[in-house]
Amino acid sequence: MIAKTPIPPYYAVVFTSIKADLDDGYDEMAEKMLHLAKEQEGFLGIESARDRIGITVSYWKSLDAIRKWKQNSEHQLAQKKGRTDWYKSYTTRICLVEKEYHFQLENI
């Protein structure tokens, strides 16, 4: 589902990853992090897709909200597990969204 975001400006955190072969507990942790992120002040929405490369984009009201999410203790545990078990590599990019536009067929 495409996230419904407010009128810009706001921020996007783009997390691009390549998973390792081991994924024990990955799906459960991803679900837990999604629910936890939704409870964070300043969280606006999320979009995610995975094939060989996974891309998750989360949207945030401010850089401070992103900083607090990164420092969340449960999120830090997930990050550590990601580095030790779940990912071969990843890149995180933080972007300021200055403009957006939409297209949608009427019948969806």
Protein backbone atom coordinates (compact mmCIF):
# COMPACT_ATOMS: atom_id res chain seq x y z
CA MET A 1 0.00 0.00 0.00
CA ILE A 2 1.22 3.51 -0.77
CA ALA A 3 1.58 5.66 2.34
CA LYS A 4 -0.64 8.69 2.66
CA THR A 5 1.71 11.50 3.57
CA PRO A 6 1.05 15.14 4.46
CA ILE A 7 1.82 18.11 2.27
CA PRO A 8 5.63 18.47 2.13
CA PRO A 9 8.05 19.16 3.59
CA TYR A 10 8.65 15.99 5.59
CA TYR A 11 11.43 13.41 5.70
CA ALA A 12 11.91 9.97 4.16
CA VAL A 13 14.26 7.30 5.47
CA VAL A 14 15.17 4.94 2.63
CA PHE A 15 16.50 1.60 3.89
CA THR A 16 17.89 -0.54 1.06
CA SER A 17 19.11 -4.02 1.96
CA ILE A 18 20.34 -7.38 0.76
CA LYS A 19 19.35 -10.17 3.13
CA ALA A 20 21.67 -12.92 4.29
CA ASP A 21 20.62 -16.55 3.96
CA LEU A 22 19.71 -16.77 7.65
CA ASP A 23 16.36 -15.20 8.42
CA ASP A 24 15.44 -16.91 11.68
CA GLY A 25 13.06 -14.54 13.45
CA TYR A 26 13.36 -11.84 10.77
CA ASP A 27 9.66 -11.67 9.82
CA GLU A 28 8.56 -11.53 13.44
CA MET A 29 11.02 -8.73 14.21
CA ALA A 30 10.03 -6.80 11.08
CA GLU A 31 6.38 -6.96 12.16
CA LYS A 32 7.28 -5.88 15.69
CA MET A 33 9.33 -2.92 14.37
CA LEU A 34 6.45 -1.87 12.11
CA HIS A 35 4.04 -1.74 15.05
CA LEU A 36 6.60 0.04 17.22
CA ALA A 37 7.40 2.62 14.52
CA LYS A 38 3.71 3.41 14.10
CA GLU A 39 3.60 4.33 17.80
CA GLN A 40 6.49 6.79 17.53
CA GLU A 41 5.81 10.50 17.60
CA GLY A 42 6.38 11.98 14.16
CA PHE A 43 5.86 8.73 12.20
CA LEU A 44 3.86 9.40 9.02
CA GLY A 45 3.81 6.11 7.10
CA ILE A 46 5.81 3.32 5.48
CA GLU A 47 6.18 1.49 2.16
CA SER A 48 8.17 -1.67 1.55
CA ALA A 49 9.06 -4.04 -1.28
CA ARG A 50 11.42 -6.99 -1.48
CA ASP A 51 12.81 -9.06 -4.30
CA ARG A 52 16.56 -9.62 -4.37
CA ILE A 53 16.95 -6.13 -2.93
CA GLY A 54 14.64 -4.89 -0.20
CA ILE A 55 13.59 -1.25 -0.05
CA THR A 56 11.67 0.20 2.85
CA VAL A 57 10.81 3.87 2.96
CA SER A 58 9.50 5.32 6.19
CA TYR A 59 8.17 8.87 6.40
CA TRP A 60 8.73 11.18 9.34
CA LYS A 61 7.68 14.66 10.42
CA SER A 62 11.17 15.78 11.50
CA LEU A 63 14.83 14.85 11.82
CA ASP A 64 14.29 14.75 15.57
CA ALA A 65 11.60 12.08 15.16
CA ILE A 66 14.00 10.03 13.01
CA ARG A 67 16.76 10.43 15.60
CA LYS A 68 14.47 9.25 18.39
CA TRP A 69 13.41 6.23 16.35
CA LYS A 70 17.04 5.29 15.68
CA GLN A 71 17.76 5.57 19.43
CA ASN A 72 14.74 3.48 20.48
CA SER A 73 16.14 0.58 22.55
CA GLU A 74 14.03 -2.13 20.88
CA HIS A 75 14.92 -0.74 17.44
CA GLN A 76 18.61 -0.77 18.41
CA LEU A 77 18.33 -4.49 19.27
CA ALA A 78 16.77 -5.16 15.86
CA GLN A 79 19.55 -3.13 14.18
CA LYS A 80 22.21 -5.19 15.96
CA LYS A 81 20.52 -8.46 14.96
CA GLY A 82 20.34 -7.17 11.39
CA ARG A 83 24.09 -6.55 11.30
CA THR A 84 24.99 -9.90 12.88
CA ASP A 85 22.41 -12.22 11.27
CA TRP A 86 19.94 -10.88 8.73
CA TYR A 87 21.72 -8.63 6.23
CA LYS A 88 24.64 -9.03 3.87
CA SER A 89 24.56 -5.28 3.39
CA TYR A 90 22.34 -2.25 3.76
CA THR A 91 22.32 1.49 3.17
CA THR A 92 20.19 4.05 4.95
CA ARG A 93 19.48 7.40 3.32
CA ILE A 94 17.64 10.29 4.96
CA CYS A 95 15.95 12.66 2.53
CA LEU A 96 13.94 15.84 2.74
CA VAL A 97 10.78 15.51 0.65
CA GLU A 98 10.09 18.90 -0.86
CA LYS A 99 7.50 18.00 -3.46
CA GLU A 100 5.18 15.12 -4.32
CA TYR A 101 2.50 14.39 -6.86
CA HIS A 102 0.07 11.51 -7.42
CA PHE A 103 -1.68 9.42 -10.01
CA GLN A 104 -4.50 6.97 -9.32
CA LEU A 105 -7.01 5.21 -11.53
CA GLU A 106 -10.52 5.92 -10.36
CA ASN A 107 -11.52 2.26 -9.95
CA ILE A 108 -8.88 1.04 -7.49
